[in-house]
């Protein structure tokens, strides 16, 4: 079953730090996160663990070590098949938190810190952005499922 591998937040734009739990606020995002905004389509950002890990391994071979949050993502979810992810899908967490996928990928008008350091970023192709339909508390290891 898919689960949360990491939760990351930051009160400023850029790299986020890993936390064990987060308060998710309906129609807002994760409390104290830079990207949390009322009525935004990008209240929470997600990367799939398997894609993140593949990029991390590739960068490590080139002498660059990254941690969760390096791409500015809020959640890293393990066990979801990216090819099945579609706009409009909903993600339901055991805690009752509900997200709706609103955007897949993003335009990067200026190179972020990761792009400057490594030459590439996975968010333009693999970033998943959501709005919060129902808030609550998320914890590392929480299970989730998604509608297809």
N, C-alpha and C. Protein backbone atom coordinates (compact mmCIF):
# COMPACT_ATOMS: atom_id res chain seq x y z
N UNK A 1 0.85 -1.19 0.00
CA UNK A 1 0.00 0.00 0.00
C UNK A 1 0.88 1.24 0.00
N UNK A 2 0.54 2.25 -0.82
CA UNK A 2 1.33 3.50 -0.83
C UNK A 2 1.38 4.14 0.56
N UNK A 3 2.50 4.81 0.82
CA UNK A 3 2.67 5.47 2.12
C UNK A 3 3.57 6.70 2.00
N UNK A 4 3.51 7.54 3.05
CA UNK A 4 4.36 8.72 3.11
C UNK A 4 5.77 8.28 3.50
N UNK A 5 6.72 8.60 2.67
CA UNK A 5 8.13 8.32 2.95
C UNK A 5 8.77 9.52 3.64
N UNK A 6 8.33 10.74 3.28
CA UNK A 6 8.89 11.95 3.90
C UNK A 6 7.90 13.10 3.79
N UNK A 7 7.95 13.98 4.79
CA UNK A 7 7.18 15.23 4.81
C UNK A 7 8.22 16.35 4.94
N UNK A 8 8.12 17.37 4.09
CA UNK A 8 9.10 18.45 4.09
C UNK A 8 8.40 19.80 4.05
N UNK A 9 8.93 20.76 4.81
CA UNK A 9 8.36 22.11 4.84
C UNK A 9 9.48 23.15 4.89
N UNK A 10 9.12 24.36 4.52
CA UNK A 10 10.02 25.50 4.65
C UNK A 10 9.19 26.77 4.63
N UNK A 11 9.59 27.74 5.41
CA UNK A 11 8.84 29.00 5.41
C UNK A 11 9.35 29.97 4.33
N UNK A 12 10.30 29.49 3.49
CA UNK A 12 10.76 30.30 2.37
C UNK A 12 10.89 29.42 1.13
N UNK A 13 10.96 30.03 -0.02
CA UNK A 13 11.05 29.31 -1.28
C UNK A 13 12.38 28.56 -1.36
N UNK A 14 12.34 27.36 -1.96
CA UNK A 14 13.57 26.59 -2.16
C UNK A 14 13.54 25.26 -1.43
N UNK A 15 14.70 24.83 -1.01
CA UNK A 15 14.86 23.52 -0.36
C UNK A 15 14.09 23.49 0.95
N UNK A 16 13.40 22.38 1.18
CA UNK A 16 12.61 22.21 2.40
C UNK A 16 13.32 21.24 3.34
N UNK A 17 12.96 21.27 4.62
CA UNK A 17 13.55 20.36 5.60
C UNK A 17 12.53 19.31 5.99
N UNK A 18 13.04 18.13 6.32
CA UNK A 18 12.16 17.02 6.68
C UNK A 18 11.63 17.17 8.10
N UNK A 19 10.36 16.86 8.27
CA UNK A 19 9.71 16.85 9.59
C UNK A 19 8.97 15.53 9.74
N UNK A 20 8.64 15.16 10.97
CA UNK A 20 7.93 13.90 11.22
C UNK A 20 6.42 14.01 11.04
N UNK A 21 5.87 15.18 11.37
CA UNK A 21 4.43 15.39 11.24
C UNK A 21 4.17 16.79 10.68
N UNK A 22 2.97 16.95 10.13
CA UNK A 22 2.59 18.26 9.61
C UNK A 22 1.10 18.44 9.74
N UNK A 23 0.70 19.66 10.04
CA UNK A 23 -0.71 20.03 10.08
C UNK A 23 -1.10 20.52 8.69
N UNK A 24 -2.05 19.83 8.08
CA UNK A 24 -2.54 20.19 6.75
C UNK A 24 -3.87 20.92 6.94
N UNK A 25 -3.96 22.12 6.36
CA UNK A 25 -5.13 22.96 6.53
C UNK A 25 -5.94 22.96 5.24
N UNK A 26 -7.24 22.71 5.38
CA UNK A 26 -8.15 22.66 4.23
C UNK A 26 -8.06 23.95 3.41
N UNK A 27 -8.01 23.79 2.08
CA UNK A 27 -7.93 24.89 1.12
C UNK A 27 -6.79 25.86 1.43
N UNK A 28 -5.68 25.33 1.98
CA UNK A 28 -4.54 26.19 2.30
C UNK A 28 -3.21 25.47 2.04
N UNK A 29 -3.00 24.33 2.65
CA UNK A 29 -1.73 23.61 2.51
C UNK A 29 -1.18 23.21 3.86
N UNK A 30 0.13 23.02 3.91
CA UNK A 30 0.79 22.63 5.16
C UNK A 30 1.13 23.88 5.95
N UNK A 31 0.71 23.88 7.20
CA UNK A 31 0.97 25.02 8.08
C UNK A 31 2.46 25.35 8.10
N UNK A 32 2.78 26.63 8.02
CA UNK A 32 4.15 27.15 8.05
C UNK A 32 4.97 26.81 6.81
N UNK A 33 4.30 26.45 5.71
CA UNK A 33 5.03 26.19 4.47
C UNK A 33 4.85 27.37 3.52
N UNK A 34 5.93 27.74 2.84
CA UNK A 34 5.93 28.89 1.94
C UNK A 34 4.85 28.81 0.86
N UNK A 35 4.60 27.62 0.34
CA UNK A 35 3.66 27.48 -0.77
C UNK A 35 2.19 27.37 -0.35
N UNK A 36 1.92 27.33 0.93
CA UNK A 36 0.54 27.25 1.40
C UNK A 36 -0.16 28.58 1.17
N UNK A 37 -1.21 28.53 0.36
CA UNK A 37 -1.98 29.75 0.06
C UNK A 37 -3.43 29.36 -0.19
N UNK A 38 -4.33 30.15 0.32
CA UNK A 38 -5.75 29.91 0.11
C UNK A 38 -6.08 29.97 -1.38
N UNK A 39 -6.91 29.02 -1.81
CA UNK A 39 -7.40 28.92 -3.19
C UNK A 39 -6.33 28.65 -4.26
N UNK A 40 -5.13 28.28 -3.85
CA UNK A 40 -4.06 27.96 -4.80
C UNK A 40 -4.24 26.54 -5.34
N UNK A 41 -3.78 26.31 -6.56
CA UNK A 41 -3.79 24.96 -7.14
C UNK A 41 -2.53 24.19 -6.77
N UNK A 42 -1.60 24.85 -6.10
CA UNK A 42 -0.32 24.25 -5.69
C UNK A 42 -0.12 24.31 -4.19
N UNK A 43 -1.12 23.91 -3.44
CA UNK A 43 -1.04 24.00 -1.98
C UNK A 43 -0.06 22.98 -1.41
N UNK A 44 0.06 21.83 -2.05
CA UNK A 44 1.00 20.79 -1.63
C UNK A 44 1.65 20.21 -2.87
N UNK A 45 2.98 20.00 -2.78
CA UNK A 45 3.71 19.37 -3.89
C UNK A 45 4.17 17.98 -3.48
N UNK A 46 4.17 17.08 -4.46
CA UNK A 46 4.48 15.67 -4.20
C UNK A 46 5.48 15.16 -5.23
N UNK A 47 6.39 14.33 -4.78
CA UNK A 47 7.23 13.53 -5.66
C UNK A 47 7.03 12.06 -5.29
N UNK A 48 7.13 11.21 -6.30
CA UNK A 48 7.06 9.76 -6.08
C UNK A 48 8.44 9.29 -5.62
N UNK A 49 8.48 8.53 -4.52
CA UNK A 49 9.74 8.08 -3.93
C UNK A 49 10.64 7.39 -4.94
N UNK A 50 10.09 6.50 -5.73
CA UNK A 50 10.91 5.72 -6.65
C UNK A 50 11.60 6.62 -7.68
N UNK A 51 10.92 7.67 -8.12
CA UNK A 51 11.51 8.63 -9.06
C UNK A 51 12.57 9.48 -8.35
N UNK A 52 12.25 9.95 -7.14
CA UNK A 52 13.20 10.72 -6.34
C UNK A 52 14.47 9.91 -6.12
N UNK A 53 14.32 8.65 -5.73
CA UNK A 53 15.47 7.82 -5.40
C UNK A 53 16.36 7.57 -6.62
N UNK A 54 15.72 7.38 -7.76
CA UNK A 54 16.49 7.18 -9.00
C UNK A 54 17.34 8.42 -9.30
N UNK A 55 16.75 9.62 -9.15
CA UNK A 55 17.49 10.86 -9.38
C UNK A 55 18.58 11.04 -8.34
N UNK A 56 18.28 10.71 -7.09
CA UNK A 56 19.26 10.83 -6.01
C UNK A 56 20.47 9.94 -6.30
N UNK A 57 20.22 8.70 -6.72
CA UNK A 57 21.30 7.77 -7.05
C UNK A 57 22.15 8.29 -8.21
N UNK A 58 21.48 8.84 -9.22
CA UNK A 58 22.18 9.40 -10.39
C UNK A 58 23.08 10.56 -9.97
N UNK A 59 22.56 11.45 -9.15
CA UNK A 59 23.35 12.60 -8.68
C UNK A 59 24.50 12.15 -7.80
N UNK A 60 24.27 11.14 -6.96
CA UNK A 60 25.31 10.64 -6.05
C UNK A 60 26.51 10.10 -6.84
N UNK A 61 26.21 9.43 -7.96
CA UNK A 61 27.29 8.92 -8.82
C UNK A 61 28.14 10.05 -9.37
N UNK A 62 27.55 11.25 -9.45
CA UNK A 62 28.28 12.43 -9.92
C UNK A 62 28.80 13.29 -8.78
N UNK A 63 28.83 12.72 -7.56
CA UNK A 63 29.40 13.41 -6.41
C UNK A 63 28.49 14.40 -5.72
N UNK A 64 27.18 14.34 -6.01
CA UNK A 64 26.23 15.26 -5.38
C UNK A 64 25.26 14.46 -4.52
N UNK A 65 25.18 14.83 -3.24
CA UNK A 65 24.27 14.14 -2.33
C UNK A 65 23.10 15.08 -1.99
N UNK A 66 21.88 14.57 -2.16
CA UNK A 66 20.69 15.37 -1.83
C UNK A 66 19.85 14.64 -0.80
N UNK A 67 19.04 15.39 -0.09
CA UNK A 67 18.12 14.84 0.91
C UNK A 67 16.69 15.11 0.47
N UNK A 68 15.74 14.50 1.20
CA UNK A 68 14.33 14.81 0.97
C UNK A 68 14.14 16.32 1.10
N UNK A 69 13.30 16.88 0.26
CA UNK A 69 13.03 18.31 0.28
C UNK A 69 13.91 19.10 -0.67
N UNK A 70 14.89 18.44 -1.28
CA UNK A 70 15.84 19.13 -2.15
C UNK A 70 15.18 19.80 -3.35
N UNK A 71 14.08 19.22 -3.82
CA UNK A 71 13.39 19.78 -4.99
C UNK A 71 12.22 20.68 -4.59
N UNK A 72 12.13 20.99 -3.30
CA UNK A 72 11.05 21.85 -2.82
C UNK A 72 9.74 21.12 -2.63
N UNK A 73 9.78 19.78 -2.62
CA UNK A 73 8.56 18.99 -2.48
C UNK A 73 8.12 18.91 -1.02
N UNK A 74 6.79 18.85 -0.82
CA UNK A 74 6.24 18.68 0.53
C UNK A 74 6.16 17.22 0.95
N UNK A 75 5.72 16.37 0.03
CA UNK A 75 5.53 14.96 0.37
C UNK A 75 6.27 14.09 -0.63
N UNK A 76 6.86 13.03 -0.11
CA UNK A 76 7.39 11.97 -0.96
C UNK A 76 6.57 10.74 -0.64
N UNK A 77 5.87 10.23 -1.67
CA UNK A 77 5.00 9.08 -1.50
C UNK A 77 5.61 7.86 -2.18
N UNK A 78 5.67 6.78 -1.44
CA UNK A 78 6.22 5.53 -1.96
C UNK A 78 5.09 4.62 -2.42
N UNK A 79 5.30 3.94 -3.54
CA UNK A 79 4.36 2.91 -3.98
C UNK A 79 3.26 3.38 -4.91
N UNK A 80 3.40 4.57 -5.49
CA UNK A 80 2.42 5.06 -6.46
C UNK A 80 3.05 5.01 -7.84
N UNK A 81 2.31 4.50 -8.80
CA UNK A 81 2.78 4.42 -10.18
C UNK A 81 2.52 5.76 -10.86
N UNK A 82 3.59 6.49 -11.17
CA UNK A 82 3.46 7.83 -11.74
C UNK A 82 2.63 7.82 -13.03
N UNK A 83 2.76 6.77 -13.82
CA UNK A 83 2.04 6.73 -15.10
C UNK A 83 0.52 6.65 -14.92
N UNK A 84 0.07 6.32 -13.72
CA UNK A 84 -1.37 6.25 -13.44
C UNK A 84 -1.91 7.54 -12.83
N UNK A 85 -1.04 8.47 -12.49
CA UNK A 85 -1.45 9.72 -11.85
C UNK A 85 -2.06 10.66 -12.89
N UNK A 86 -3.25 11.16 -12.59
CA UNK A 86 -3.95 12.05 -13.51
C UNK A 86 -4.52 13.25 -12.74
N UNK A 87 -4.65 14.36 -13.44
CA UNK A 87 -5.30 15.54 -12.85
C UNK A 87 -6.74 15.14 -12.50
N UNK A 88 -7.16 15.54 -11.31
CA UNK A 88 -8.50 15.18 -10.83
C UNK A 88 -8.50 13.98 -9.90
N UNK A 89 -7.42 13.14 -9.93
CA UNK A 89 -7.32 12.03 -8.97
C UNK A 89 -7.30 12.61 -7.57
N UNK A 90 -7.80 11.84 -6.64
CA UNK A 90 -7.76 12.23 -5.23
C UNK A 90 -6.85 11.27 -4.48
N UNK A 91 -6.16 11.82 -3.47
CA UNK A 91 -5.30 11.02 -2.60
C UNK A 91 -5.90 11.09 -1.21
N UNK A 92 -6.16 9.93 -0.64
CA UNK A 92 -6.78 9.81 0.68
C UNK A 92 -5.77 9.21 1.65
N UNK A 93 -5.57 9.85 2.79
CA UNK A 93 -4.63 9.37 3.80
C UNK A 93 -5.40 8.77 4.97
N UNK A 94 -4.79 7.83 5.67
CA UNK A 94 -5.43 7.18 6.81
C UNK A 94 -5.91 8.19 7.85
N UNK A 95 -5.24 9.32 7.96
CA UNK A 95 -5.58 10.34 8.96
C UNK A 95 -6.84 11.11 8.58
N UNK A 96 -7.34 10.92 7.35
CA UNK A 96 -8.51 11.66 6.90
C UNK A 96 -8.18 12.80 5.95
N UNK A 97 -6.91 13.15 5.83
CA UNK A 97 -6.50 14.20 4.90
C UNK A 97 -6.84 13.75 3.48
N UNK A 98 -7.40 14.68 2.69
CA UNK A 98 -7.73 14.40 1.30
C UNK A 98 -7.15 15.50 0.41
N UNK A 99 -6.48 15.07 -0.66
CA UNK A 99 -5.91 15.99 -1.64
C UNK A 99 -6.49 15.70 -3.01
N UNK A 100 -6.53 16.72 -3.85
CA UNK A 100 -6.92 16.53 -5.24
C UNK A 100 -5.78 17.01 -6.13
N UNK A 101 -5.36 16.16 -7.08
CA UNK A 101 -4.28 16.52 -7.99
C UNK A 101 -4.79 17.56 -8.98
N UNK A 102 -4.09 18.68 -9.04
CA UNK A 102 -4.51 19.80 -9.89
C UNK A 102 -3.55 20.08 -11.05
N UNK A 103 -2.27 19.78 -10.85
CA UNK A 103 -1.25 20.07 -11.85
C UNK A 103 -0.20 18.96 -11.82
N UNK A 104 0.27 18.58 -12.99
CA UNK A 104 1.39 17.63 -13.07
C UNK A 104 2.49 18.32 -13.87
N UNK A 105 3.66 18.44 -13.27
CA UNK A 105 4.76 19.17 -13.90
C UNK A 105 4.63 20.65 -13.65
N UNK A 106 5.67 21.39 -13.99
CA UNK A 106 5.64 22.85 -13.81
C UNK A 106 6.68 23.50 -14.69
N UNK A 107 6.43 24.75 -15.00
CA UNK A 107 7.41 25.55 -15.72
C UNK A 107 8.35 26.17 -14.70
N UNK A 108 9.61 26.17 -15.02
CA UNK A 108 10.60 26.80 -14.15
C UNK A 108 11.20 28.00 -14.88
N UNK A 109 10.70 29.21 -14.61
CA UNK A 109 11.18 30.39 -15.33
C UNK A 109 12.65 30.70 -15.05
N UNK A 110 13.11 30.40 -13.85
CA UNK A 110 14.52 30.64 -13.50
C UNK A 110 15.06 29.37 -12.85
N UNK A 111 16.31 29.07 -13.09
CA UNK A 111 16.88 27.86 -12.49
C UNK A 111 16.85 27.93 -10.95
N UNK A 112 16.33 26.88 -10.34
CA UNK A 112 16.33 26.78 -8.88
C UNK A 112 17.73 26.39 -8.42
N UNK A 113 17.92 26.33 -7.13
CA UNK A 113 19.21 25.97 -6.55
C UNK A 113 19.67 24.59 -7.03
N UNK A 114 18.74 23.64 -7.09
CA UNK A 114 19.09 22.28 -7.54
C UNK A 114 19.52 22.32 -9.00
N UNK A 115 18.79 23.03 -9.85
CA UNK A 115 19.18 23.13 -11.26
C UNK A 115 20.54 23.80 -11.40
N UNK A 116 20.80 24.82 -10.61
CA UNK A 116 22.09 25.49 -10.66
C UNK A 116 23.22 24.55 -10.25
N UNK A 117 22.95 23.73 -9.23
CA UNK A 117 23.98 22.84 -8.68
C UNK A 117 24.17 21.59 -9.52
N UNK A 118 23.07 21.03 -10.05
CA UNK A 118 23.14 19.72 -10.71
C UNK A 118 22.90 19.76 -12.21
N UNK A 119 22.32 20.85 -12.69
CA UNK A 119 22.01 20.93 -14.11
C UNK A 119 20.63 20.44 -14.47
N UNK A 120 19.93 19.80 -13.53
CA UNK A 120 18.58 19.33 -13.83
C UNK A 120 17.72 19.26 -12.58
N UNK A 121 16.42 19.25 -12.81
CA UNK A 121 15.44 19.15 -11.72
C UNK A 121 14.32 18.23 -12.20
N UNK A 122 13.72 17.48 -11.29
CA UNK A 122 12.67 16.55 -11.70
C UNK A 122 11.26 17.14 -11.58
N UNK A 123 11.14 18.29 -10.94
CA UNK A 123 9.80 18.87 -10.75
C UNK A 123 9.11 19.25 -12.07
N UNK A 124 9.81 19.78 -13.08
CA UNK A 124 9.11 20.13 -14.32
C UNK A 124 8.40 18.94 -14.97
N UNK A 125 8.95 17.76 -14.84
CA UNK A 125 8.33 16.58 -15.44
C UNK A 125 7.53 15.75 -14.44
N UNK A 126 8.03 15.60 -13.22
CA UNK A 126 7.44 14.66 -12.27
C UNK A 126 6.78 15.29 -11.04
N UNK A 127 6.79 16.60 -10.94
CA UNK A 127 6.15 17.23 -9.79
C UNK A 127 4.64 17.08 -9.86
N UNK A 128 4.03 16.75 -8.75
CA UNK A 128 2.58 16.60 -8.65
C UNK A 128 2.10 17.66 -7.66
N UNK A 129 1.12 18.45 -8.07
CA UNK A 129 0.64 19.52 -7.22
C UNK A 129 -0.84 19.29 -6.89
N UNK A 130 -1.19 19.63 -5.65
CA UNK A 130 -2.54 19.33 -5.15
C UNK A 130 -3.12 20.49 -4.39
N UNK A 131 -4.45 20.47 -4.32
CA UNK A 131 -5.15 21.35 -3.39
C UNK A 131 -5.68 20.46 -2.27
N UNK A 132 -5.88 21.06 -1.10
CA UNK A 132 -6.32 20.32 0.08
C UNK A 132 -7.84 20.37 0.17
N UNK A 133 -8.47 19.20 0.05
CA UNK A 133 -9.93 19.11 0.18
C UNK A 133 -10.35 18.95 1.64
N UNK A 134 -9.51 18.24 2.40
CA UNK A 134 -9.81 18.01 3.82
C UNK A 134 -8.49 17.99 4.59
N UNK A 135 -8.42 18.78 5.65
CA UNK A 135 -7.20 18.90 6.44
C UNK A 135 -7.07 17.84 7.52
N UNK A 136 -5.97 17.92 8.26
CA UNK A 136 -5.69 17.00 9.35
C UNK A 136 -4.19 16.92 9.59
N UNK A 137 -3.79 15.88 10.30
CA UNK A 137 -2.37 15.68 10.63
C UNK A 137 -1.82 14.56 9.76
N UNK A 138 -0.67 14.80 9.13
CA UNK A 138 0.05 13.76 8.40
C UNK A 138 1.30 13.39 9.17
N UNK A 139 1.63 12.08 9.15
CA UNK A 139 2.84 11.58 9.81
C UNK A 139 3.61 10.71 8.84
N UNK A 140 4.93 10.74 8.96
CA UNK A 140 5.76 9.82 8.17
C UNK A 140 5.25 8.39 8.37
N UNK A 141 5.14 7.65 7.29
CA UNK A 141 4.69 6.26 7.37
C UNK A 141 3.20 6.09 7.21
N UNK A 142 2.41 7.20 7.25
CA UNK A 142 0.96 7.09 7.04
C UNK A 142 0.70 6.47 5.67
N UNK A 143 -0.28 5.59 5.62
CA UNK A 143 -0.68 4.96 4.37
C UNK A 143 -1.68 5.85 3.64
N UNK A 144 -1.73 5.65 2.32
CA UNK A 144 -2.67 6.40 1.52
C UNK A 144 -3.12 5.56 0.34
N UNK A 145 -4.14 6.00 -0.31
CA UNK A 145 -4.56 5.40 -1.57
C UNK A 145 -5.08 6.52 -2.45
N UNK A 146 -5.17 6.25 -3.73
CA UNK A 146 -5.60 7.30 -4.64
C UNK A 146 -6.61 6.76 -5.62
N UNK A 147 -7.51 7.65 -6.04
CA UNK A 147 -8.52 7.29 -7.04
C UNK A 147 -7.89 7.39 -8.41
N UNK A 148 -8.24 6.48 -9.28
CA UNK A 148 -7.70 6.51 -10.64
C UNK A 148 -8.79 6.84 -11.63
